[in-house]
């Protein structure tokens, strides 16, 4: 931006000095002759076009740098977004793994208890006390299994 301001000052000083022919001692000789005026206009036009091309080049370079910086920022934001999404998915997978591991352990435990009940019933005589204990244990096991199923359904509905 400073270059364009200094360029404008130079252009305006060239234009004002080209109107009058100054001598070495600083006195003016009046307006320039037509030949020197034409020459002065040509050099002024050349200076103006050179200045204009410089301004356009500086402006285009500045716009290019701005666009590149914006692209880099967009790229960085997108990379950060992908990284956050990756972490979220990893956490979700870990949570699902933990829930499924818990369900597996509880189900295994229920199956082991059920097998123990079945083997103990075979060894002993059937009585009402044993049947009451086994039915209570079985009811607890079924309630726990239902609770696990509801938990699994609920966790699946969240994802």
Protein backbone atom coordinates (compact mmCIF):
# COMPACT_ATOMS: atom_id res chain seq x y z
CA UNK A 1 0.00 0.00 0.00
CA UNK A 2 2.89 2.39 0.80
CA UNK A 3 4.29 1.76 -2.66
CA UNK A 4 1.07 2.92 -4.31
CA UNK A 5 1.01 6.14 -2.23
CA UNK A 6 4.61 6.97 -3.07
CA UNK A 7 3.94 6.13 -6.73
CA UNK A 8 0.97 8.53 -6.81
CA UNK A 9 3.12 11.29 -5.32
CA UNK A 10 5.79 10.73 -7.94
CA UNK A 11 3.23 10.77 -10.73
CA UNK A 12 1.68 14.01 -9.51
CA UNK A 13 5.10 15.65 -9.15
CA UNK A 14 6.08 14.52 -12.66
CA UNK A 15 2.84 15.96 -14.07
CA UNK A 16 3.22 19.32 -12.31
CA UNK A 17 6.88 19.69 -13.28
CA UNK A 18 6.19 18.81 -16.91
CA UNK A 19 3.91 21.84 -17.34
CA UNK A 20 6.74 24.33 -16.91
CA UNK A 21 10.31 24.25 -18.10
CA UNK A 22 12.55 25.01 -15.12
CA UNK A 23 16.10 26.32 -15.56
CA UNK A 24 19.03 25.28 -13.43
CA UNK A 25 18.83 28.37 -11.25
CA UNK A 26 15.14 27.69 -10.48
CA UNK A 27 13.50 30.40 -12.57
CA UNK A 28 10.76 29.42 -14.92
CA UNK A 29 10.92 29.91 -18.60
CA UNK A 30 7.16 29.52 -18.98
CA UNK A 31 5.35 26.68 -20.69
CA UNK A 32 7.38 24.03 -22.45
CA UNK A 33 7.78 24.09 -26.19
CA UNK A 34 5.55 21.74 -28.17
CA UNK A 35 8.38 19.25 -28.90
CA UNK A 36 9.50 19.01 -25.32
CA UNK A 37 5.83 18.90 -24.21
CA UNK A 38 5.13 15.92 -26.45
CA UNK A 39 8.27 14.22 -25.20
CA UNK A 40 7.28 15.00 -21.64
CA UNK A 41 3.77 13.64 -22.21
CA UNK A 42 5.22 10.41 -23.62
CA UNK A 43 7.54 9.97 -20.64
CA UNK A 44 4.67 10.84 -18.33
CA UNK A 45 2.44 8.26 -20.03
CA UNK A 46 5.23 5.68 -19.80
CA UNK A 47 5.79 6.47 -16.12
CA UNK A 48 2.05 6.30 -15.45
CA UNK A 49 1.67 2.96 -17.24
CA UNK A 50 4.73 1.57 -15.46
CA UNK A 51 3.32 2.78 -12.15
CA UNK A 52 -0.07 1.33 -12.93
CA UNK A 53 1.41 -2.03 -13.87
CA UNK A 54 3.42 -2.01 -10.63
CA UNK A 55 0.28 -1.28 -8.63
CA UNK A 56 -1.60 -4.08 -10.39
CA UNK A 57 1.27 -6.50 -9.78
CA UNK A 58 1.45 -5.60 -6.07
CA UNK A 59 -2.32 -5.94 -5.77
CA UNK A 60 -2.41 -9.31 -7.54
CA UNK A 61 0.47 -10.63 -5.42
CA UNK A 62 -1.34 -9.50 -2.29
CA UNK A 63 -4.57 -11.17 -3.39
CA UNK A 64 -2.69 -14.36 -4.22
CA UNK A 65 -1.04 -14.45 -0.79
CA UNK A 66 -4.42 -13.83 0.87
CA UNK A 67 -6.06 -16.65 -1.08
CA UNK A 68 -3.22 -19.04 -0.26
CA UNK A 69 -3.45 -18.16 3.43
CA UNK A 70 -7.22 -18.73 3.39
CA UNK A 71 -6.75 -22.09 1.69
CA UNK A 72 -4.18 -23.13 4.29
CA UNK A 73 -6.53 -22.11 7.11
CA UNK A 74 -9.39 -24.05 5.52
CA UNK A 75 -7.12 -27.05 5.16
CA UNK A 76 -6.09 -26.83 8.83
CA UNK A 77 -9.72 -26.49 9.98
CA UNK A 78 -10.75 -29.50 7.92
CA UNK A 79 -7.87 -31.57 9.31
CA UNK A 80 -8.85 -30.60 12.86
CA UNK A 81 -12.47 -31.50 12.15
CA UNK A 82 -11.46 -34.90 10.79
CA UNK A 83 -9.23 -35.51 13.80
CA UNK A 84 -12.08 -34.66 16.20
CA UNK A 85 -14.46 -36.94 14.28
CA UNK A 86 -11.89 -39.73 14.42
CA UNK A 87 -11.48 -39.34 18.21
CA UNK A 88 -15.27 -39.32 18.66
CA UNK A 89 -15.63 -42.52 16.65
CA UNK A 90 -12.81 -44.19 18.59
CA UNK A 91 -14.50 -43.29 21.88
CA UNK A 92 -17.82 -44.61 20.60
CA UNK A 93 -16.21 -47.88 19.52
CA UNK A 94 -14.53 -48.23 22.92
CA UNK A 95 -17.81 -47.55 24.74
CA UNK A 96 -19.63 -50.11 22.58
CA UNK A 97 -16.87 -52.64 23.21
CA UNK A 98 -17.15 -52.10 26.97
CA UNK A 99 -20.95 -52.47 26.93
CA UNK A 100 -20.77 -55.64 24.86
CA UNK A 101 -18.05 -57.06 27.11
CA UNK A 102 -20.23 -56.38 30.15
CA UNK A 103 -23.23 -58.02 28.47
CA UNK A 104 -21.13 -61.05 27.60
CA UNK A 105 -19.88 -61.40 31.18
CA UNK A 106 -23.38 -61.11 32.64
CA UNK A 107 -24.82 -63.57 30.14
CA UNK A 108 -22.00 -66.01 30.84
CA UNK A 109 -22.61 -65.63 34.55
CA UNK A 110 -26.32 -66.29 34.09
CA UNK A 111 -25.62 -69.38 32.03
CA UNK A 112 -23.20 -70.73 34.63
CA UNK A 113 -25.77 -70.19 37.40
CA UNK A 114 -28.45 -71.90 35.31
CA UNK A 115 -26.18 -74.90 34.72
CA UNK A 116 -25.36 -75.11 38.43
CA UNK A 117 -29.06 -75.08 39.28
CA UNK A 118 -29.77 -77.83 36.78
CA UNK A 119 -26.95 -80.06 38.08
CA UNK A 120 -27.90 -79.48 41.71
CA UNK A 121 -31.50 -80.43 40.97
CA UNK A 122 -30.40 -83.72 39.47
CA UNK A 123 -28.24 -84.65 42.45
CA UNK A 124 -30.78 -83.81 45.15
CA UNK A 125 -34.27 -84.86 45.67
CA UNK A 126 -36.80 -82.39 44.60
CA UNK A 127 -38.36 -80.51 47.41
CA UNK A 128 -40.27 -77.27 47.63
CA UNK A 129 -37.35 -75.43 49.22
CA UNK A 130 -35.03 -76.24 46.33
CA UNK A 131 -37.70 -75.35 43.80
CA UNK A 132 -38.34 -72.02 45.53
CA UNK A 133 -34.62 -71.19 45.51
CA UNK A 134 -34.19 -72.20 41.89
CA UNK A 135 -37.29 -70.30 40.75
CA UNK A 136 -36.14 -67.17 42.63
CA UNK A 137 -32.69 -67.43 41.10
CA UNK A 138 -34.21 -68.04 37.69
CA UNK A 139 -36.50 -65.00 38.05
CA UNK A 140 -33.55 -62.83 39.05
CA UNK A 141 -31.56 -64.11 36.10
CA UNK A 142 -34.39 -63.43 33.68
CA UNK A 143 -34.92 -59.93 35.11
CA UNK A 144 -31.22 -59.20 34.73
CA UNK A 145 -31.26 -60.52 31.18
CA UNK A 146 -34.26 -58.31 30.31
CA UNK A 147 -32.49 -55.33 31.84
CA UNK A 148 -29.43 -56.05 29.70
CA UNK A 149 -31.58 -56.31 26.59
CA UNK A 150 -33.25 -52.97 27.35
CA UNK A 151 -29.84 -51.42 27.95
CA UNK A 152 -28.59 -52.74 24.62
CA UNK A 153 -31.69 -51.43 22.81
CA UNK A 154 -31.31 -48.03 24.48
CA UNK A 155 -27.60 -47.76 23.67
CA UNK A 156 -28.30 -48.69 20.03
CA UNK A 157 -30.99 -46.04 19.76
CA UNK A 158 -28.51 -43.34 20.87
CA UNK A 159 -26.08 -44.07 18.06
